[in-house]
Structure formats: structure tokens, C-alpha cells
């Protein structure tokens, strides 16, 4: 049915639960998995404590290190289930657009993601990332709650 499933994650508990469920689903389908995480660019004016405590260079190093660690952890879960997987970490302001772009660029035929993850003021004002992906994706989206 599905051969390559994109699993975006931000490391939140809800996203991690979705990853666990989607990895089992991918195993049952015999699909490969493409994990991804989006690194938000440094903003001079931010409420994110990681961005407030340093400069753009320090933030970039920390953010990329955290993304690498997160992706290594989810890859280990997938490999433990016998899945072939790869991962992508990208920096982008628009998380929803990045998810759709990565899915298309990697030939994914399903996006599986959590219904809640990032809890920023921006998502409250502009709508959730998942809702935007559902609205704009030409690829089927499986939402875990």
C-alpha cells in the first residue's frame, strides 16, 4: 500500500508517540521510513530560551546537535523493528511547507504525523502545522492523536 512514509518529529511527547505508532504501521506495510525534523532559524527577537541565551552561531550548533540526536534516536527505533530508514534535518521558517517539500523530494507516498507538537504562539495565531499540512499536501496524511 505505502512504500515510503515521511515521519516528521519535533521530539515532543506527542510527536514521539506518533513516531512509535507510525514505525509499527510502516513495519506492517513493509515500507521504508524517512524521518525529518525542522530546525527553526535564529531570531533576534524570540521567546525561545535557546535563542535568548546565545548568539546565532551558538544557537545553530545547539539546534543542529539536538536535531541529530533526535533523528538518531528515532532511526534506532525503526532499525530495531527491521525497517530501512533515512533522516533529514532542515532549517526552515515554514514547518508545514518544509514537511510537504521533503515528502515530495524523497518520493514519500504518505506523511504520518502527530496532531500536536510545537506549541508556539505562532501556531496559535496561524493554525497548527498539522492543519496546514492537511490543507496543502497532495500526499495522503495520517494524523495520530
N, C-alpha and C. Protein backbone atom coordinates (compact mmCIF):
# COMPACT_ATOMS: atom_id res chain seq x y z
N UNK A 1 0.82 -1.19 0.00
CA UNK A 1 0.00 0.00 0.00
C UNK A 1 0.87 1.26 0.00
N UNK A 2 1.73 1.41 1.00
CA UNK A 2 2.64 2.55 1.08
C UNK A 2 4.06 2.00 1.07
N UNK A 3 4.93 2.70 0.35
CA UNK A 3 6.31 2.20 0.25
C UNK A 3 7.33 3.09 0.95
N UNK A 4 7.02 4.39 1.14
CA UNK A 4 7.95 5.30 1.79
C UNK A 4 7.15 6.31 2.59
N UNK A 5 7.25 6.24 3.90
CA UNK A 5 6.45 7.07 4.79
C UNK A 5 7.32 8.15 5.41
N UNK A 6 6.88 9.40 5.30
CA UNK A 6 7.57 10.51 5.95
C UNK A 6 7.04 10.66 7.36
N UNK A 7 7.95 10.68 8.34
CA UNK A 7 7.57 10.85 9.74
C UNK A 7 8.25 12.10 10.29
N UNK A 8 7.58 13.24 10.25
CA UNK A 8 8.16 14.44 10.86
C UNK A 8 8.04 14.38 12.37
N UNK A 9 9.06 14.86 13.06
CA UNK A 9 9.02 14.88 14.52
C UNK A 9 9.74 16.11 15.04
N UNK A 10 9.26 16.62 16.16
CA UNK A 10 9.94 17.72 16.84
C UNK A 10 10.45 17.28 18.21
N UNK A 11 10.31 16.00 18.51
CA UNK A 11 10.80 15.48 19.79
C UNK A 11 9.83 15.62 20.93
N UNK A 12 8.68 16.23 20.72
CA UNK A 12 7.70 16.38 21.79
C UNK A 12 7.12 15.00 22.12
N UNK A 13 6.56 14.85 23.32
CA UNK A 13 5.97 13.55 23.68
C UNK A 13 4.89 13.10 22.69
N UNK A 14 4.06 14.01 22.23
CA UNK A 14 3.00 13.63 21.28
C UNK A 14 3.61 13.17 19.96
N UNK A 15 4.62 13.89 19.49
CA UNK A 15 5.28 13.51 18.24
C UNK A 15 5.99 12.17 18.40
N UNK A 16 6.60 11.93 19.55
CA UNK A 16 7.29 10.65 19.77
C UNK A 16 6.30 9.49 19.80
N UNK A 17 5.14 9.72 20.38
CA UNK A 17 4.10 8.68 20.38
C UNK A 17 3.66 8.38 18.94
N UNK A 18 3.51 9.42 18.13
CA UNK A 18 3.14 9.22 16.73
C UNK A 18 4.23 8.46 15.99
N UNK A 19 5.49 8.77 16.28
CA UNK A 19 6.61 8.04 15.65
C UNK A 19 6.53 6.56 15.99
N UNK A 20 6.30 6.25 17.26
CA UNK A 20 6.21 4.84 17.68
C UNK A 20 5.11 4.11 16.92
N UNK A 21 3.94 4.73 16.82
CA UNK A 21 2.81 4.11 16.13
C UNK A 21 3.07 4.01 14.62
N UNK A 22 3.65 5.03 14.06
CA UNK A 22 3.89 5.04 12.61
C UNK A 22 5.00 4.06 12.23
N UNK A 23 5.97 3.85 13.10
CA UNK A 23 7.01 2.85 12.84
C UNK A 23 6.38 1.46 12.78
N UNK A 24 5.49 1.17 13.69
CA UNK A 24 4.78 -0.13 13.65
C UNK A 24 3.95 -0.25 12.38
N UNK A 25 3.29 0.82 12.00
CA UNK A 25 2.49 0.81 10.78
C UNK A 25 3.39 0.57 9.56
N UNK A 26 4.52 1.25 9.50
CA UNK A 26 5.47 1.07 8.39
C UNK A 26 5.98 -0.37 8.34
N UNK A 27 6.26 -0.93 9.51
CA UNK A 27 6.70 -2.33 9.56
C UNK A 27 5.63 -3.25 8.97
N UNK A 28 4.39 -3.02 9.37
CA UNK A 28 3.29 -3.85 8.88
C UNK A 28 3.07 -3.69 7.37
N UNK A 29 3.36 -2.50 6.84
CA UNK A 29 3.21 -2.24 5.40
C UNK A 29 4.43 -2.67 4.60
N UNK A 30 5.54 -2.90 5.29
CA UNK A 30 6.79 -3.19 4.60
C UNK A 30 7.37 -1.96 3.93
N UNK A 31 7.11 -0.80 4.51
CA UNK A 31 7.55 0.48 3.95
C UNK A 31 8.89 0.91 4.52
N UNK A 32 9.60 1.72 3.77
CA UNK A 32 10.76 2.41 4.32
C UNK A 32 10.25 3.68 5.01
N UNK A 33 11.10 4.25 5.84
CA UNK A 33 10.70 5.43 6.61
C UNK A 33 11.71 6.54 6.38
N UNK A 34 11.19 7.73 6.16
CA UNK A 34 12.03 8.92 6.10
C UNK A 34 11.63 9.80 7.27
N UNK A 35 12.54 9.94 8.22
CA UNK A 35 12.30 10.82 9.37
C UNK A 35 12.76 12.22 9.01
N UNK A 36 12.10 13.20 9.59
CA UNK A 36 12.58 14.57 9.40
C UNK A 36 12.27 15.40 10.63
N UNK A 37 13.11 16.42 10.80
CA UNK A 37 12.85 17.43 11.80
C UNK A 37 13.22 18.77 11.20
N UNK A 38 12.53 19.80 11.63
CA UNK A 38 12.76 21.14 11.11
C UNK A 38 13.40 21.98 12.21
N UNK A 39 14.50 22.59 11.86
CA UNK A 39 15.21 23.49 12.78
C UNK A 39 14.75 24.90 12.47
N UNK A 40 14.21 25.55 13.47
CA UNK A 40 13.77 26.92 13.26
C UNK A 40 14.98 27.85 13.23
N UNK A 41 15.02 28.77 12.27
CA UNK A 41 16.16 29.70 12.20
C UNK A 41 16.22 30.60 13.42
N UNK A 42 17.40 31.10 13.69
CA UNK A 42 17.61 32.02 14.81
C UNK A 42 16.86 33.32 14.54
N UNK A 43 16.20 33.82 15.59
CA UNK A 43 15.51 35.11 15.51
C UNK A 43 16.05 36.00 16.61
N UNK A 44 16.38 37.22 16.26
CA UNK A 44 16.90 38.16 17.25
C UNK A 44 15.86 38.41 18.33
N UNK A 45 14.60 38.51 17.94
CA UNK A 45 13.52 38.70 18.89
C UNK A 45 12.74 37.39 18.98
N UNK A 46 12.90 36.69 20.09
CA UNK A 46 12.31 35.37 20.23
C UNK A 46 11.92 35.12 21.68
N UNK A 47 10.96 34.21 21.87
CA UNK A 47 10.61 33.78 23.22
C UNK A 47 11.22 32.42 23.53
N UNK A 48 11.91 31.82 22.56
CA UNK A 48 12.56 30.53 22.74
C UNK A 48 13.82 30.72 23.59
N UNK A 49 13.88 30.05 24.74
CA UNK A 49 15.01 30.24 25.66
C UNK A 49 16.34 29.88 25.02
N UNK A 50 16.36 28.92 24.10
CA UNK A 50 17.61 28.55 23.43
C UNK A 50 18.13 29.70 22.58
N UNK A 51 17.23 30.47 22.01
CA UNK A 51 17.66 31.58 21.18
C UNK A 51 18.02 32.80 22.02
N UNK A 52 17.40 32.94 23.19
CA UNK A 52 17.68 34.08 24.06
C UNK A 52 19.04 33.98 24.73
N UNK A 53 19.53 32.77 24.92
CA UNK A 53 20.74 32.58 25.72
C UNK A 53 22.03 32.66 24.92
N UNK A 54 21.97 32.93 23.64
CA UNK A 54 23.22 32.93 22.89
C UNK A 54 23.13 33.76 21.63
N UNK A 55 24.12 33.54 20.79
CA UNK A 55 24.17 34.23 19.52
C UNK A 55 23.76 33.25 18.42
N UNK A 56 23.62 33.73 17.19
CA UNK A 56 23.17 32.83 16.11
C UNK A 56 24.07 31.62 15.90
N UNK A 57 25.37 31.79 16.04
CA UNK A 57 26.29 30.67 15.83
C UNK A 57 26.11 29.59 16.90
N UNK A 58 26.05 30.01 18.17
CA UNK A 58 25.85 29.05 19.25
C UNK A 58 24.50 28.35 19.14
N UNK A 59 23.47 29.13 18.81
CA UNK A 59 22.14 28.54 18.63
C UNK A 59 22.17 27.50 17.51
N UNK A 60 22.79 27.84 16.40
CA UNK A 60 22.86 26.92 15.26
C UNK A 60 23.54 25.61 15.62
N UNK A 61 24.65 25.69 16.34
CA UNK A 61 25.35 24.47 16.75
C UNK A 61 24.47 23.62 17.66
N UNK A 62 23.84 24.26 18.64
CA UNK A 62 22.97 23.55 19.58
C UNK A 62 21.77 22.94 18.86
N UNK A 63 21.13 23.71 18.00
CA UNK A 63 19.93 23.23 17.31
C UNK A 63 20.26 22.06 16.39
N UNK A 64 21.37 22.12 15.68
CA UNK A 64 21.75 21.02 14.79
C UNK A 64 22.16 19.78 15.58
N UNK A 65 22.82 19.98 16.72
CA UNK A 65 23.19 18.84 17.56
C UNK A 65 21.94 18.16 18.12
N UNK A 66 20.98 18.94 18.59
CA UNK A 66 19.73 18.37 19.10
C UNK A 66 18.97 17.64 18.00
N UNK A 67 18.94 18.20 16.80
CA UNK A 67 18.25 17.56 15.68
C UNK A 67 18.92 16.23 15.34
N UNK A 68 20.25 16.22 15.32
CA UNK A 68 20.97 14.97 15.02
C UNK A 68 20.69 13.91 16.06
N UNK A 69 20.66 14.29 17.34
CA UNK A 69 20.39 13.34 18.40
C UNK A 69 18.96 12.80 18.30
N UNK A 70 18.01 13.68 18.05
CA UNK A 70 16.61 13.27 17.90
C UNK A 70 16.46 12.28 16.75
N UNK A 71 17.07 12.59 15.61
CA UNK A 71 16.95 11.70 14.45
C UNK A 71 17.65 10.37 14.68
N UNK A 72 18.77 10.39 15.38
CA UNK A 72 19.46 9.13 15.70
C UNK A 72 18.59 8.24 16.58
N UNK A 73 17.87 8.84 17.52
CA UNK A 73 17.00 8.07 18.41
C UNK A 73 15.84 7.43 17.65
N UNK A 74 15.19 8.19 16.75
CA UNK A 74 14.06 7.61 16.04
C UNK A 74 14.53 6.60 14.99
N UNK A 75 15.71 6.83 14.41
CA UNK A 75 16.26 5.84 13.48
C UNK A 75 16.54 4.52 14.20
N UNK A 76 17.04 4.60 15.42
CA UNK A 76 17.31 3.38 16.19
C UNK A 76 16.02 2.60 16.43
N UNK A 77 14.93 3.30 16.73
CA UNK A 77 13.63 2.63 16.92
C UNK A 77 13.21 1.90 15.65
N UNK A 78 13.37 2.57 14.52
CA UNK A 78 12.96 1.97 13.24
C UNK A 78 13.84 0.78 12.88
N UNK A 79 15.12 0.90 13.07
CA UNK A 79 16.03 -0.21 12.74
C UNK A 79 15.78 -1.41 13.66
N UNK A 80 15.40 -1.13 14.90
CA UNK A 80 15.08 -2.20 15.84
C UNK A 80 13.87 -3.00 15.34
N UNK A 81 12.98 -2.34 14.61
CA UNK A 81 11.81 -3.00 14.02
C UNK A 81 12.14 -3.61 12.65
N UNK A 82 13.40 -3.50 12.23
CA UNK A 82 13.82 -4.07 10.95
C UNK A 82 13.54 -3.19 9.75
N UNK A 83 13.29 -1.92 9.97
CA UNK A 83 12.97 -1.02 8.87
C UNK A 83 14.20 -0.38 8.26
N UNK A 84 14.10 -0.12 6.98
CA UNK A 84 15.10 0.71 6.30
C UNK A 84 14.65 2.14 6.50
N UNK A 85 15.58 3.00 6.91
CA UNK A 85 15.19 4.38 7.16
C UNK A 85 16.32 5.34 6.82
N UNK A 86 15.93 6.57 6.67
CA UNK A 86 16.87 7.67 6.48
C UNK A 86 16.29 8.87 7.21
N UNK A 87 17.09 9.92 7.34
CA UNK A 87 16.59 11.08 8.05
C UNK A 87 17.09 12.37 7.41
N UNK A 88 16.31 13.41 7.64
CA UNK A 88 16.59 14.72 7.08
C UNK A 88 16.36 15.76 8.16
N UNK A 89 17.32 16.65 8.33
CA UNK A 89 17.15 17.81 9.22
C UNK A 89 17.34 19.04 8.34
N UNK A 90 16.34 19.91 8.34
CA UNK A 90 16.46 21.11 7.53
C UNK A 90 16.09 22.33 8.37
N UNK A 91 16.61 23.46 7.96
CA UNK A 91 16.29 24.72 8.62
C UNK A 91 15.27 25.44 7.75
N UNK A 92 14.16 25.82 8.37
CA UNK A 92 13.11 26.49 7.60
C UNK A 92 12.18 27.23 8.54
N UNK A 93 11.69 28.36 8.08
CA UNK A 93 10.72 29.16 8.85
C UNK A 93 9.33 28.53 8.81
N UNK A 94 8.98 27.96 7.66
CA UNK A 94 7.65 27.41 7.46
C UNK A 94 7.69 25.90 7.56
N UNK A 95 7.38 25.39 8.74
CA UNK A 95 7.49 23.97 9.03
C UNK A 95 6.59 23.14 8.13
N UNK A 96 5.36 23.58 7.94
CA UNK A 96 4.41 22.82 7.12
C UNK A 96 4.90 22.71 5.67
N UNK A 97 5.38 23.79 5.11
CA UNK A 97 5.88 23.76 3.73
C UNK A 97 7.12 22.88 3.62
N UNK A 98 7.95 22.91 4.65
CA UNK A 98 9.15 22.06 4.65
C UNK A 98 8.78 20.59 4.68
N UNK A 99 7.77 20.24 5.45
CA UNK A 99 7.33 18.84 5.53
C UNK A 99 6.85 18.36 4.16
N UNK A 100 6.02 19.15 3.52
CA UNK A 100 5.50 18.77 2.21
C UNK A 100 6.62 18.68 1.18
N UNK A 101 7.53 19.65 1.19
CA UNK A 101 8.66 19.66 0.25
C UNK A 101 9.55 18.43 0.43
N UNK A 102 9.87 18.08 1.68
CA UNK A 102 10.71 16.90 1.94
C UNK A 102 10.00 15.63 1.50
N UNK A 103 8.71 15.55 1.72
CA UNK A 103 7.95 14.37 1.28
C UNK A 103 8.04 14.22 -0.23
N UNK A 104 7.85 15.30 -0.96
CA UNK A 104 7.92 15.25 -2.41
C UNK A 104 9.33 14.93 -2.91
N UNK A 105 10.33 15.58 -2.32
CA UNK A 105 11.71 15.38 -2.75
C UNK A 105 12.21 13.96 -2.49
N UNK A 106 11.63 13.29 -1.50
CA UNK A 106 12.08 11.94 -1.14
C UNK A 106 11.14 10.85 -1.64
N UNK A 107 10.19 11.20 -2.48
CA UNK A 107 9.30 10.21 -3.06
C UNK A 107 8.40 9.53 -2.05
N UNK A 108 8.01 10.24 -1.00
CA UNK A 108 7.14 9.65 0.02
C UNK A 108 5.70 9.59 -0.50
N UNK A 109 5.01 8.52 -0.13
CA UNK A 109 3.63 8.37 -0.56
C UNK A 109 2.65 8.49 0.61
N UNK A 110 3.17 8.81 1.80
CA UNK A 110 2.33 9.06 2.98
C UNK A 110 3.13 9.92 3.95
N UNK A 111 2.43 10.87 4.57
CA UNK A 111 3.00 11.65 5.67
C UNK A 111 2.24 11.22 6.92
N UNK A 112 2.96 10.75 7.93
CA UNK A 112 2.33 10.34 9.20
C UNK A 112 2.87 11.26 10.29
N UNK A 113 1.98 11.94 10.99
CA UNK A 113 2.44 12.92 11.96
C UNK A 113 1.45 13.08 13.11
N UNK A 114 1.92 13.71 14.16
CA UNK A 114 1.10 13.97 15.35
C UNK A 114 0.18 15.16 15.11
N UNK A 115 -0.90 15.18 15.86
CA UNK A 115 -1.82 16.31 15.73
C UNK A 115 -1.39 17.49 16.58
N UNK A 116 -0.50 17.27 17.51
CA UNK A 116 0.03 18.34 18.34
C UNK A 116 1.53 18.11 18.47
N UNK A 117 2.27 19.18 18.55
CA UNK A 117 3.72 19.07 18.69
C UNK A 117 4.23 20.41 19.18
N UNK A 118 4.70 21.20 18.26
CA UNK A 118 5.19 22.53 18.63
C UNK A 118 4.03 23.32 19.24
N UNK A 119 4.31 23.95 20.33
CA UNK A 119 3.28 24.74 20.98
C UNK A 119 3.69 26.19 21.04
N UNK A 120 3.88 26.82 19.90
CA UNK A 120 4.36 28.19 19.90
C UNK A 120 3.20 29.17 19.74
N UNK A 121 3.48 30.41 20.06
CA UNK A 121 2.49 31.46 19.89
C UNK A 121 2.11 31.54 18.42
N UNK A 122 3.07 31.35 17.54
CA UNK A 122 2.80 31.40 16.11
C UNK A 122 1.77 30.38 15.68
N UNK A 123 1.84 29.17 16.23
CA UNK A 123 0.87 28.15 15.83
C UNK A 123 -0.52 28.49 16.33
N UNK A 124 -0.60 29.18 17.47
CA UNK A 124 -1.91 29.60 17.97
C UNK A 124 -2.52 30.66 17.06
N UNK A 125 -1.69 31.57 16.58
CA UNK A 125 -2.18 32.64 15.73
C UNK A 125 -2.44 32.19 14.30
N UNK A 126 -1.62 31.30 13.80
CA UNK A 126 -1.67 30.96 12.39
C UNK A 126 -2.26 29.58 12.11
N UNK A 127 -2.56 28.81 13.12
CA UNK A 127 -3.08 27.47 12.92
C UNK A 127 -1.97 26.45 13.08
N UNK A 128 -2.34 25.23 13.36
CA UNK A 128 -1.34 24.21 13.64
C UNK A 128 -0.62 23.76 12.37
N UNK A 129 0.58 23.27 12.56
CA UNK A 129 1.37 22.74 11.46
C UNK A 129 0.62 21.60 10.79
N UNK A 130 0.05 20.71 11.57
CA UNK A 130 -0.67 19.56 11.02
C UNK A 130 -1.85 20.02 10.16
N UNK A 131 -2.59 21.00 10.62
CA UNK A 131 -3.73 21.51 9.84
C UNK A 131 -3.26 22.08 8.51
N UNK A 132 -2.14 22.76 8.52
CA UNK A 132 -1.61 23.32 7.27
C UNK A 132 -1.14 22.22 6.32
N UNK A 133 -0.49 21.19 6.87
CA UNK A 133 -0.05 20.07 6.02
C UNK A 133 -1.28 19.40 5.42
N UNK A 134 -2.30 19.16 6.23
CA UNK A 134 -3.54 18.55 5.73
C UNK A 134 -4.17 19.38 4.62
N UNK A 135 -4.10 20.70 4.76
CA UNK A 135 -4.72 21.59 3.78
C UNK A 135 -3.97 21.66 2.46
N UNK A 136 -2.65 21.53 2.50
CA UNK A 136 -1.84 21.80 1.32
C UNK A 136 -1.18 20.58 0.68
N UNK A 137 -1.16 19.46 1.36
CA UNK A 137 -0.46 18.29 0.83
C UNK A 137 -1.27 17.58 -0.24
N UNK A 138 -0.57 17.18 -1.30
CA UNK A 138 -1.19 16.34 -2.33
C UNK A 138 -0.97 14.87 -1.98
N UNK A 139 -0.14 14.62 -0.97
CA UNK A 139 0.17 13.27 -0.50
C UNK A 139 -0.77 12.97 0.67
N UNK A 140 -1.29 11.76 0.80
CA UNK A 140 -2.13 11.43 1.95
C UNK A 140 -1.41 11.70 3.27
N UNK A 141 -2.17 12.13 4.28
CA UNK A 141 -1.63 12.44 5.60
C UNK A 141 -2.38 11.60 6.63
N UNK A 142 -1.62 10.86 7.42
CA UNK A 142 -2.17 10.09 8.53
C UNK A 142 -1.85 10.83 9.81
N UNK A 143 -2.88 11.19 10.57
CA UNK A 143 -2.69 12.00 11.78
C UNK A 143 -2.91 11.13 13.00
N UNK A 144 -1.93 11.14 13.89
CA UNK A 144 -2.03 10.43 15.18
C UNK A 144 -2.37 11.44 16.26
N UNK A 145 -3.32 11.06 17.12
CA UNK A 145 -3.69 11.93 18.25
C UNK A 145 -3.26 11.29 19.54
